[in-house]
PDB file of N, CA and C in Angstrom:
ATOM      1  N   MET A   1       5.572  34.662 -13.640  1.00  0.00           N
ATOM      2  CA  MET A   1       5.505  34.229 -12.370  1.00  0.00           C
ATOM      3  C   MET A   1       4.103  34.186 -11.891  1.00  0.00           C
ATOM      4  N   ALA A   2       3.239  34.898 -12.193  1.00  0.00           N
ATOM      5  CA  ALA A   2       1.781  34.885 -11.865  1.00  0.00           C
ATOM      6  C   ALA A   2       1.213  33.435 -12.209  1.00  0.00           C
ATOM      7  N   THR A   3       1.631  32.953 -13.608  1.00  0.00           N
ATOM      8  CA  THR A   3       1.089  31.716 -14.162  1.00  0.00           C
ATOM      9  C   THR A   3       1.620  30.501 -13.228  1.00  0.00           C
ATOM     10  N   GLN A   4       2.824  30.835 -12.709  1.00  0.00           N
ATOM     11  CA  GLN A   4       3.294  29.560 -12.041  1.00  0.00           C
ATOM     12  C   GLN A   4       2.561  29.295 -10.603  1.00  0.00           C
ATOM     13  N   THR A   5       2.217  30.751 -10.021  1.00  0.00           N
ATOM     14  CA  THR A   5       1.389  30.758  -8.720  1.00  0.00           C
ATOM     15  C   THR A   5       0.089  30.017  -8.834  1.00  0.00           C
ATOM     16  N   VAL A   6      -0.754  30.325 -10.041  1.00  0.00           N
ATOM     17  CA  VAL A   6      -1.792  29.941 -10.477  1.00  0.00           C
ATOM     18  C   VAL A   6      -1.914  28.345 -10.653  1.00  0.00           C
ATOM     19  N   LEU A   7      -0.979  27.876 -11.240  1.00  0.00           N
ATOM     20  CA  LEU A   7      -0.668  26.555 -11.484  1.00  0.00           C
ATOM     21  C   LEU A   7      -0.391  25.887 -10.024  1.00  0.00           C
ATOM     22  N   ALA A   8       0.427  26.446  -9.274  1.00  0.00           N
ATOM     23  CA  ALA A   8       0.833  25.715  -7.890  1.00  0.00           C
ATOM     24  C   ALA A   8      -0.551  25.650  -7.132  1.00  0.00           C
ATOM     25  N   GLU A   9      -1.307  26.685  -7.047  1.00  0.00           N
ATOM     26  CA  GLU A   9      -2.691  26.760  -6.414  1.00  0.00           C
ATOM     27  C   GLU A   9      -3.590  25.799  -6.850  1.00  0.00           C
ATOM     28  N   ASP A  10      -3.670  25.466  -8.190  1.00  0.00           N
ATOM     29  CA  ASP A  10      -4.485  24.486  -8.743  1.00  0.00           C
ATOM     30  C   ASP A  10      -4.241  23.136  -8.441  1.00  0.00           C
ATOM     31  N   MET A  11      -2.777  23.046  -8.290  1.00  0.00           N
ATOM     32  CA  MET A  11      -2.242  21.484  -8.083  1.00  0.00           C
ATOM     33  C   MET A  11      -2.604  21.245  -6.640  1.00  0.00           C
ATOM     34  N   ALA A  12      -2.474  22.321  -5.914  1.00  0.00           N
ATOM     35  CA  ALA A  12      -2.801  22.316  -4.350  1.00  0.00           C
ATOM     36  C   ALA A  12      -4.080  21.860  -4.072  1.00  0.00           C
ATOM     37  N   ARG A  13      -5.127  22.657  -4.870  1.00  0.00           N
ATOM     38  CA  ARG A  13      -6.522  22.457  -4.691  1.00  0.00           C
ATOM     39  C   ARG A  13      -6.818  21.046  -5.238  1.00  0.00           C
ATOM     40  N   GLN A  14      -6.119  20.606  -6.293  1.00  0.00           N
ATOM     41  CA  GLN A  14      -6.624  19.206  -6.673  1.00  0.00           C
ATOM     42  C   GLN A  14      -6.017  18.233  -5.711  1.00  0.00           C
ATOM     43  N   ARG A  15      -4.995  18.216  -5.136  1.00  0.00           N
ATOM     44  CA  ARG A  15      -4.619  17.372  -4.230  1.00  0.00           C
ATOM     45  C   ARG A  15      -5.279  17.186  -2.904  1.00  0.00           C
ATOM     46  N   LEU A  16      -5.818  18.585  -2.697  1.00  0.00           N
ATOM     47  CA  LEU A  16      -6.764  18.412  -1.293  1.00  0.00           C
ATOM     48  C   LEU A  16      -8.048  17.779  -1.926  1.00  0.00           C
ATOM     49  N   ARG A  17      -8.708  18.151  -2.960  1.00  0.00           N
ATOM     50  CA  ARG A  17      -9.856  17.496  -3.316  1.00  0.00           C
ATOM     51  C   ARG A  17      -9.789  15.991  -3.340  1.00  0.00           C
ATOM     52  N   LYS A  18      -8.536  15.450  -3.848  1.00  0.00           N
ATOM     53  CA  LYS A  18      -8.315  14.030  -3.760  1.00  0.00           C
ATOM     54  C   LYS A  18      -8.299  13.321  -2.375  1.00  0.00           C
ATOM     55  N   GLU A  19      -7.683  14.324  -1.530  1.00  0.00           N
ATOM     56  CA  GLU A  19      -7.609  13.905  -0.124  1.00  0.00           C
ATOM     57  C   GLU A  19      -8.933  13.968   0.523  1.00  0.00           C
ATOM     58  N   GLY A  20      -9.719  14.833   0.093  1.00  0.00           N
ATOM     59  CA  GLY A  20     -11.206  14.923   0.693  1.00  0.00           C
ATOM     60  C   GLY A  20     -11.954  13.621   0.207  1.00  0.00           C
ATOM     61  N   GLY A  21     -11.800  13.397  -0.961  1.00  0.00           N
ATOM     62  CA  GLY A  21     -12.353  12.240  -1.702  1.00  0.00           C
ATOM     63  C   GLY A  21     -12.008  10.896  -1.023  1.00  0.00           C
ATOM     64  N   ALA A  22     -10.727  10.822  -0.576  1.00  0.00           N
ATOM     65  CA  ALA A  22     -10.135   9.530   0.116  1.00  0.00           C
ATOM     66  C   ALA A  22     -10.907   9.548   1.608  1.00  0.00           C
ATOM     67  N   TRP A  23     -11.145  10.679   2.089  1.00  0.00           N
ATOM     68  CA  TRP A  23     -11.644  10.646   3.367  1.00  0.00           C
ATOM     69  C   TRP A  23     -13.220  10.261   3.272  1.00  0.00           C
ATOM     70  N   LEU A  24     -13.987  10.991   2.403  1.00  0.00           N
ATOM     71  CA  LEU A  24     -15.236  10.578   2.058  1.00  0.00           C
ATOM     72  C   LEU A  24     -15.466   9.068   1.795  1.00  0.00           C
ATOM     73  N   ARG A  25     -14.645   8.456   0.941  1.00  0.00           N
ATOM     74  CA  ARG A  25     -14.640   6.898   0.707  1.00  0.00           C
ATOM     75  C   ARG A  25     -14.535   6.197   2.140  1.00  0.00           C
ATOM     76  N   SER A  26     -13.613   6.637   2.942  1.00  0.00           N
ATOM     77  CA  SER A  26     -13.423   5.954   4.220  1.00  0.00           C
ATOM     78  C   SER A  26     -14.456   6.029   4.971  1.00  0.00           C
ATOM     79  N   ARG A  27     -15.187   7.241   5.144  1.00  0.00           N
ATOM     80  CA  ARG A  27     -16.430   7.333   5.751  1.00  0.00           C
ATOM     81  C   ARG A  27     -17.593   6.515   5.274  1.00  0.00           C
ATOM     82  N   ARG A  28     -17.440   6.471   3.766  1.00  0.00           N
ATOM     83  CA  ARG A  28     -18.713   5.670   3.396  1.00  0.00           C
ATOM     84  C   ARG A  28     -18.551   4.309   3.744  1.00  0.00           C
ATOM     85  N   GLU A  29     -17.301   3.973   3.617  1.00  0.00           N
ATOM     86  CA  GLU A  29     -17.032   2.315   3.768  1.00  0.00           C
ATOM     87  C   GLU A  29     -17.174   2.120   5.257  1.00  0.00           C
ATOM     88  N   ALA A  30     -16.769   3.016   6.212  1.00  0.00           N
ATOM     89  CA  ALA A  30     -17.234   2.682   7.723  1.00  0.00           C
ATOM     90  C   ALA A  30     -18.617   2.631   7.897  1.00  0.00           C
ATOM     91  N   ALA A  31     -19.405   3.436   7.158  1.00  0.00           N
ATOM     92  CA  ALA A  31     -20.829   3.288   7.313  1.00  0.00           C
ATOM     93  C   ALA A  31     -21.317   2.142   6.636  1.00  0.00           C
ATOM     94  N   GLY A  32     -20.465   1.214   5.916  1.00  0.00           N
ATOM     95  CA  GLY A  32     -20.996   0.003   5.430  1.00  0.00           C
ATOM     96  C   GLY A  32     -21.970   0.198   3.931  1.00  0.00           C
ATOM     97  N   LEU A  33     -21.557   1.168   3.294  1.00  0.00           N
ATOM     98  CA  LEU A  33     -22.309   1.820   2.036  1.00  0.00           C
ATOM     99  C   LEU A  33     -21.453   1.567   0.928  1.00  0.00           C
ATOM    100  N   SER A  34     -22.191   0.983  -0.104  1.00  0.00           N
ATOM    101  CA  SER A  34     -21.573   1.166  -1.591  1.00  0.00           C
ATOM    102  C   SER A  34     -21.725   2.435  -2.036  1.00  0.00           C
ATOM    103  N   GLN A  35     -20.968   2.723  -3.251  1.00  0.00           N
ATOM    104  CA  GLN A  35     -21.338   4.096  -3.843  1.00  0.00           C
ATOM    105  C   GLN A  35     -22.890   4.154  -4.252  1.00  0.00           C
ATOM    106  N   ARG A  36     -23.339   3.199  -4.607  1.00  0.00           N
ATOM    107  CA  ARG A  36     -24.875   3.003  -5.252  1.00  0.00           C
ATOM    108  C   ARG A  36     -25.688   3.365  -4.064  1.00  0.00           C
ATOM    109  N   GLU A  37     -25.540   2.712  -2.931  1.00  0.00           N
ATOM    110  CA  GLU A  37     -26.339   3.047  -1.985  1.00  0.00           C
ATOM    111  C   GLU A  37     -26.218   4.516  -1.205  1.00  0.00           C
ATOM    112  N   LEU A  38     -25.110   4.979  -1.219  1.00  0.00           N
ATOM    113  CA  LEU A  38     -24.754   6.311  -0.654  1.00  0.00           C
ATOM    114  C   LEU A  38     -25.468   7.246  -1.849  1.00  0.00           C
ATOM    115  N   ALA A  39     -25.305   6.972  -3.213  1.00  0.00           N
ATOM    116  CA  ALA A  39     -26.039   7.981  -3.909  1.00  0.00           C
ATOM    117  C   ALA A  39     -27.477   7.946  -3.721  1.00  0.00           C
ATOM    118  N   GLU A  40     -28.036   6.791  -3.481  1.00  0.00           N
ATOM    119  CA  GLU A  40     -29.558   6.608  -3.168  1.00  0.00           C
ATOM    120  C   GLU A  40     -29.987   7.597  -1.902  1.00  0.00           C
ATOM    121  N   ARG A  41     -29.048   7.443  -0.789  1.00  0.00           N
ATOM    122  CA  ARG A  41     -29.253   8.226   0.368  1.00  0.00           C
ATOM    123  C   ARG A  41     -29.067   9.651   0.231  1.00  0.00           C
ATOM    124  N   VAL A  42     -28.239  10.215  -0.604  1.00  0.00           N
ATOM    125  CA  VAL A  42     -28.099  11.533  -0.746  1.00  0.00           C
ATOM    126  C   VAL A  42     -28.910  12.115  -1.986  1.00  0.00           C
ATOM    127  N   GLU A  43     -29.692  11.131  -2.683  1.00  0.00           N
ATOM    128  CA  GLU A  43     -30.731  11.464  -3.692  1.00  0.00           C
ATOM    129  C   GLU A  43     -29.829  12.134  -4.873  1.00  0.00           C
ATOM    130  N   VAL A  44     -28.898  11.665  -5.369  1.00  0.00           N
ATOM    131  CA  VAL A  44     -28.093  12.194  -6.514  1.00  0.00           C
ATOM    132  C   VAL A  44     -28.461  11.327  -7.887  1.00  0.00           C
ATOM    133  N   GLY A  45     -28.910  10.297  -7.844  1.00  0.00           N
ATOM    134  CA  GLY A  45     -29.525   9.541  -8.928  1.00  0.00           C
ATOM    135  C   GLY A  45     -28.497   8.623  -9.583  1.00  0.00           C
ATOM    136  N   TYR A  46     -27.368   9.250  -9.449  1.00  0.00           N
ATOM    137  CA  TYR A  46     -26.140   8.478 -10.265  1.00  0.00           C
ATOM    138  C   TYR A  46     -25.120   8.022  -9.189  1.00  0.00           C
ATOM    139  N   TYR A  47     -24.734   6.748  -9.098  1.00  0.00           N
ATOM    140  CA  TYR A  47     -23.553   6.506  -8.324  1.00  0.00           C
ATOM    141  C   TYR A  47     -22.294   6.892  -8.922  1.00  0.00           C
ATOM    142  N   THR A  48     -22.103   7.238 -10.125  1.00  0.00           N
ATOM    143  CA  THR A  48     -20.900   7.745 -10.484  1.00  0.00           C
ATOM    144  C   THR A  48     -20.542   9.093  -9.908  1.00  0.00           C
ATOM    145  N   PHE A  49     -21.708   9.978  -9.631  1.00  0.00           N
ATOM    146  CA  PHE A  49     -21.498  11.102  -9.041  1.00  0.00           C
ATOM    147  C   PHE A  49     -20.584  11.000  -7.614  1.00  0.00           C
ATOM    148  N   VAL A  50     -20.901  10.081  -6.805  1.00  0.00           N
ATOM    149  CA  VAL A  50     -20.127   9.772  -5.747  1.00  0.00           C
ATOM    150  C   VAL A  50     -18.629   9.091  -6.086  1.00  0.00           C
ATOM    151  N   SER A  51     -18.520   8.531  -7.110  1.00  0.00           N
ATOM    152  CA  SER A  51     -17.335   8.184  -7.507  1.00  0.00           C
ATOM    153  C   SER A  51     -16.404   9.345  -7.973  1.00  0.00           C
ATOM    154  N   GLN A  52     -16.968  10.217  -8.537  1.00  0.00           N
ATOM    155  CA  GLN A  52     -16.330  11.382  -9.127  1.00  0.00           C
ATOM    156  C   GLN A  52     -15.798  12.261  -7.705  1.00  0.00           C
ATOM    157  N   ILE A  53     -16.600  12.356  -6.942  1.00  0.00           N
ATOM    158  CA  ILE A  53     -16.370  12.932  -5.606  1.00  0.00           C
ATOM    159  C   ILE A  53     -15.173  12.415  -4.828  1.00  0.00           C
ATOM    160  N   GLU A  54     -15.435  11.043  -4.828  1.00  0.00           N
ATOM    161  CA  GLU A  54     -14.177  10.383  -4.066  1.00  0.00           C
ATOM    162  C   GLU A  54     -12.967  10.349  -4.935  1.00  0.00           C
ATOM    163  N   ALA A  55     -12.933  10.510  -6.226  1.00  0.00           N
ATOM    164  CA  ALA A  55     -11.794  10.510  -7.080  1.00  0.00           C
ATOM    165  C   ALA A  55     -11.006  12.020  -6.964  1.00  0.00           C
ATOM    166  N   GLY A  56     -11.946  12.969  -6.362  1.00  0.00           N
ATOM    167  CA  GLY A  56     -11.360  14.310  -6.348  1.00  0.00           C
ATOM    168  C   GLY A  56     -11.747  15.205  -7.549  1.00  0.00           C
ATOM    169  N   ARG A  57     -12.642  14.774  -8.452  1.00  0.00           N
ATOM    170  CA  ARG A  57     -13.128  15.571  -9.404  1.00  0.00           C
ATOM    171  C   ARG A  57     -14.229  16.273  -9.394  1.00  0.00           C
ATOM    172  N   GLY A  58     -14.840  16.391  -8.188  1.00  0.00           N
ATOM    173  CA  GLY A  58     -15.789  17.283  -8.049  1.00  0.00           C
ATOM    174  C   GLY A  58     -15.918  17.576  -6.457  1.00  0.00           C
ATOM    175  N   ARG A  59     -16.927  18.297  -5.966  1.00  0.00           N
ATOM    176  CA  ARG A  59     -16.978  18.469  -4.630  1.00  0.00           C
ATOM    177  C   ARG A  59     -18.566  18.596  -4.294  1.00  0.00           C
ATOM    178  N   ILE A  60     -18.935  18.289  -3.053  1.00  0.00           N
ATOM    179  CA  ILE A  60     -20.434  18.366  -2.576  1.00  0.00           C
ATOM    180  C   ILE A  60     -20.869  19.691  -2.474  1.00  0.00           C
ATOM    181  N   PRO A  61     -21.818  19.949  -3.072  1.00  0.00           N
ATOM    182  CA  PRO A  61     -22.530  21.446  -3.074  1.00  0.00           C
ATOM    183  C   PRO A  61     -22.818  21.750  -1.402  1.00  0.00           C
ATOM    184  N   ALA A  62     -22.205  22.848  -0.847  1.00  0.00           N
ATOM    185  CA  ALA A  62     -22.463  23.115   0.537  1.00  0.00           C
ATOM    186  C   ALA A  62     -23.936  23.001   1.022  1.00  0.00           C
ATOM    187  N   GLU A  63     -24.917  23.329   0.195  1.00  0.00           N
ATOM    188  CA  GLU A  63     -26.358  23.275   0.784  1.00  0.00           C
ATOM    189  C   GLU A  63     -26.780  21.781   0.871  1.00  0.00           C
ATOM    190  N   ARG A  64     -25.953  20.788   0.592  1.00  0.00           N
ATOM    191  CA  ARG A  64     -26.226  19.371   0.575  1.00  0.00           C
ATOM    192  C   ARG A  64     -25.191  18.735   1.684  1.00  0.00           C
ATOM    193  N   TYR A  65     -24.486  19.450   2.260  1.00  0.00           N
ATOM    194  CA  TYR A  65     -23.683  18.762   3.421  1.00  0.00           C
ATOM    195  C   TYR A  65     -24.481  18.188   4.425  1.00  0.00           C
ATOM    196  N   SER A  66     -25.543  18.607   5.024  1.00  0.00           N
ATOM    197  CA  SER A  66     -26.326  18.017   6.093  1.00  0.00           C
ATOM    198  C   SER A  66     -26.931  16.616   5.542  1.00  0.00           C
ATOM    199  N   ILE A  67     -27.338  16.416   4.303  1.00  0.00           N
ATOM    200  CA  ILE A  67     -27.789  15.374   3.673  1.00  0.00           C
ATOM    201  C   ILE A  67     -26.753  14.257   3.668  1.00  0.00           C
ATOM    202  N   TRP A  68     -25.522  14.663   3.251  1.00  0.00           N
ATOM    203  CA  TRP A  68     -24.404  13.655   3.167  1.00  0.00           C
ATOM    204  C   TRP A  68     -23.976  13.259   4.578  1.00  0.00           C
ATOM    205  N   ALA A  69     -23.945  14.080   5.471  1.00  0.00           N
ATOM    206  CA  ALA A  69     -23.677  13.923   6.826  1.00  0.00           C
ATOM    207  C   ALA A  69     -24.580  12.941   7.323  1.00  0.00           C
ATOM    208  N   ASN A  70     -25.851  13.107   7.199  1.00  0.00           N
ATOM    209  CA  ASN A  70     -26.769  12.188   7.671  1.00  0.00           C
ATOM    210  C   ASN A  70     -26.787  10.763   6.977  1.00  0.00           C
ATOM    211  N   ALA A  71     -26.574  10.740   5.690  1.00  0.00           N
ATOM    212  CA  ALA A  71     -26.291   9.478   4.943  1.00  0.00           C
ATOM    213  C   ALA A  71     -25.112   8.566   5.478  1.00  0.00           C
ATOM    214  N   LEU A  72     -24.086   9.333   5.928  1.00  0.00           N
ATOM    215  CA  LEU A  72     -22.866   8.828   6.401  1.00  0.00           C
ATOM    216  C   LEU A  72     -22.915   8.546   8.064  1.00  0.00           C
ATOM    217  N   ASP A  73     -23.934   8.644   8.629  1.00  0.00           N
ATOM    218  CA  ASP A  73     -24.322   8.693  10.016  1.00  0.00           C
ATOM    219  C   ASP A  73     -23.431   9.346  10.727  1.00  0.00           C
ATOM    220  N   MET A  74     -23.129  10.575  10.314  1.00  0.00           N
ATOM    221  CA  MET A  74     -22.074  11.729  10.898  1.00  0.00           C
ATOM    222  C   MET A  74     -22.952  12.776  11.513  1.00  0.00           C
ATOM    223  N   ASN A  75     -22.309  13.234  12.496  1.00  0.00           N
ATOM    224  CA  ASN A  75     -22.932  14.685  12.958  1.00  0.00           C
ATOM    225  C   ASN A  75     -22.483  15.610  12.178  1.00  0.00           C
ATOM    226  N   ALA A  76     -23.698  16.473  11.566  1.00  0.00           N
ATOM    227  CA  ALA A  76     -23.337  17.283  10.734  1.00  0.00           C
ATOM    228  C   ALA A  76     -22.121  18.513  10.777  1.00  0.00           C
ATOM    229  N   ARG A  77     -21.876  19.022  12.020  1.00  0.00           N
ATOM    230  CA  ARG A  77     -20.860  19.765  12.434  1.00  0.00           C
ATOM    231  C   ARG A  77     -19.561  19.153  11.935  1.00  0.00           C
ATOM    232  N   ASP A  78     -19.430  18.124  12.377  1.00  0.00           N
ATOM    233  CA  ASP A  78     -18.091  17.243  12.451  1.00  0.00           C
ATOM    234  C   ASP A  78     -17.857  16.906  10.587  1.00  0.00           C
ATOM    235  N   PHE A  79     -18.990  16.580  10.139  1.00  0.00           N
ATOM    236  CA  PHE A  79     -19.017  16.430   8.640  1.00  0.00           C
ATOM    237  C   PHE A  79     -18.416  17.930   8.006  1.00  0.00           C
ATOM    238  N   VAL A  80     -19.134  18.818   8.378  1.00  0.00           N
ATOM    239  CA  VAL A  80     -18.790  20.268   7.852  1.00  0.00           C
ATOM    240  C   VAL A  80     -17.232  20.636   8.143  1.00  0.00           C
ATOM    241  N   ARG A  81     -16.907  20.379   9.282  1.00  0.00           N
ATOM    242  CA  ARG A  81     -15.586  20.679   9.560  1.00  0.00           C
ATOM    243  C   ARG A  81     -14.671  20.019   8.863  1.00  0.00           C
ATOM    244  N   ASN A  82     -14.704  18.711   8.832  1.00  0.00           N
ATOM    245  CA  ASN A  82     -13.830  17.840   8.033  1.00  0.00           C
ATOM    246  C   ASN A  82     -13.866  18.326   6.503  1.00  0.00           C
ATOM    247  N   ILE A  83     -14.979  18.382   5.897  1.00  0.00           N
ATOM    248  CA  ILE A  83     -15.035  18.628   4.605  1.00  0.00           C
ATOM    249  C   ILE A  83     -14.495  19.982   4.160  1.00  0.00           C
ATOM    250  N   MET A  84     -14.610  20.964   5.218  1.00  0.00           N
ATOM    251  CA  MET A  84     -14.127  22.231   4.618  1.00  0.00           C
ATOM    252  C   MET A  84     -12.711  22.211   4.897  1.00  0.00           C
ATOM    253  N   SER A  85     -11.895  21.438   5.682  1.00  0.00           N
ATOM    254  CA  SER A  85     -10.556  21.343   5.631  1.00  0.00           C
ATOM    255  C   SER A  85      -9.970  20.955   4.485  1.00  0.00           C
ATOM    256  N   TYR A  86     -10.671  20.401   3.555  1.00  0.00           N
ATOM    257  CA  TYR A  86     -10.599  20.074   2.062  1.00  0.00           C
ATOM    258  C   TYR A  86     -10.784  20.963   1.070  1.00  0.00           C
ATOM    259  N   TYR A  87     -11.955  21.310   1.217  1.00  0.00           N
ATOM    260  CA  TYR A  87     -12.813  22.383   0.152  1.00  0.00           C
ATOM    261  C   TYR A  87     -12.251  23.688   0.378  1.00  0.00           C
ATOM    262  N   GLU A  88     -12.145  24.155   1.516  1.00  0.00           N
ATOM    263  CA  GLU A  88     -11.920  25.601   1.752  1.00  0.00           C
ATOM    264  C   GLU A  88     -11.122  25.736   2.857  1.00  0.00           C
ATOM    265  N   PRO A  89      -9.763  25.413   2.707  1.00  0.00           N
ATOM    266  CA  PRO A  89      -8.633  25.417   3.800  1.00  0.00           C
ATOM    267  C   PRO A  89      -8.533  26.804   4.222  1.00  0.00           C
ATOM    268  N   SER A  90      -8.546  27.803   3.464  1.00  0.00           N
ATOM    269  CA  SER A  90      -8.383  29.163   4.081  1.00  0.00           C
ATOM    270  C   SER A  90      -9.362  29.376   5.101  1.00  0.00           C
ATOM    271  N   THR A  91     -10.589  29.206   4.672  1.00  0.00           N
ATOM    272  CA  THR A  91     -11.581  29.333   5.597  1.00  0.00           C
ATOM    273  C   THR A  91     -11.667  28.530   6.824  1.00  0.00           C
ATOM    274  N   TYR A  92     -11.221  27.439   6.692  1.00  0.00           N
ATOM    275  CA  TYR A  92     -11.167  26.363   7.784  1.00  0.00           C
ATOM    276  C   TYR A  92     -10.049  26.978   8.711  1.00  0.00           C
ATOM    277  N   GLU A  93      -8.952  27.554   8.370  1.00  0.00           N
ATOM    278  CA  GLU A  93      -7.880  28.056   9.159  1.00  0.00           C
ATOM    279  C   GLU A  93      -8.369  29.174   9.756  1.00  0.00           C
ATOM    280  N   ILE A  94      -9.118  30.136   9.330  1.00  0.00           N
ATOM    281  CA  ILE A  94      -9.678  31.249  10.015  1.00  0.00           C
ATOM    282  C   ILE A  94     -10.814  30.873  11.217  1.00  0.00           C
ATOM    283  N   LEU A  95     -11.311  30.157  10.820  1.00  0.00           N
ATOM    284  CA  LEU A  95     -12.497  29.547  11.754  1.00  0.00           C
ATOM    285  C   LEU A  95     -11.913  28.729  12.934  1.00  0.00           C
ATOM    286  N   PHE A  96     -11.038  27.712  12.553  1.00  0.00           N
ATOM    287  CA  PHE A  96     -10.453  27.010  13.600  1.00  0.00           C
ATOM    288  C   PHE A  96      -9.089  27.015  13.984  1.00  0.00           C
ATOM    289  N   GLY A  97      -8.285  28.232  13.449  1.00  0.00           N
ATOM    290  CA  GLY A  97      -7.033  28.456  13.680  1.00  0.00           C
ATOM    291  C   GLY A  97      -6.136  27.291  13.700  1.00  0.00           C
ATOM    292  N   GLU A  98      -6.339  26.520  12.731  1.00  0.00           N
ATOM    293  CA  GLU A  98      -5.173  25.320  12.547  1.00  0.00           C
ATOM    294  C   GLU A  98      -5.263  25.163  10.798  1.00  0.00           C
ATOM    295  N   THR A  99      -4.262  24.463  10.600  1.00  0.00           N
ATOM    296  CA  THR A  99      -4.304  24.183   9.169  1.00  0.00           C
ATOM    297  C   THR A  99      -4.214  22.526   9.133  1.00  0.00           C
ATOM    298  N   GLY A 100      -4.486  22.092   7.923  1.00  0.00           N
ATOM    299  CA  GLY A 100      -4.668  20.693   7.557  1.00  0.00           C
ATOM    300  C   GLY A 100      -5.902  20.064   8.517  1.00  0.00           C
ATOM    301  N   GLN A 101      -5.979  18.725   8.137  1.00  0.00           N
ATOM    302  CA  GLN A 101      -7.175  18.107   8.568  1.00  0.00           C
ATOM    303  C   GLN A 101      -7.318  17.873   9.974  1.00  0.00           C
ATOM    304  N   PRO A 102      -8.444  17.776  10.638  1.00  0.00           N
ATOM    305  CA  PRO A 102      -8.649  17.614  12.038  1.00  0.00           C
ATOM    306  C   PRO A 102      -8.179  16.443  12.440  1.00  0.00           C
TER     307      PRO A 102
END
């Protein structure tokens, strides 16, 4: 039974990462940036890193949230609140008293 719970949690986490990646892609496109341009702005060196994040196969390190927010022309608090809903849904719910994306 415990194995099923872990698998379900992993699947839910992966689904949220993909949704978060889609949200990031929409923000990048709204800012008129290519993956390569965003990679340059956030100083990651490889646009494939942005591609991986958008595909849900990785996440942005928390210490880089402000850099990403700036690169996407977003308020840092708004960026963090949104990304946290995908990356840390339990913490998001505790802080904001709501489930799901803002």
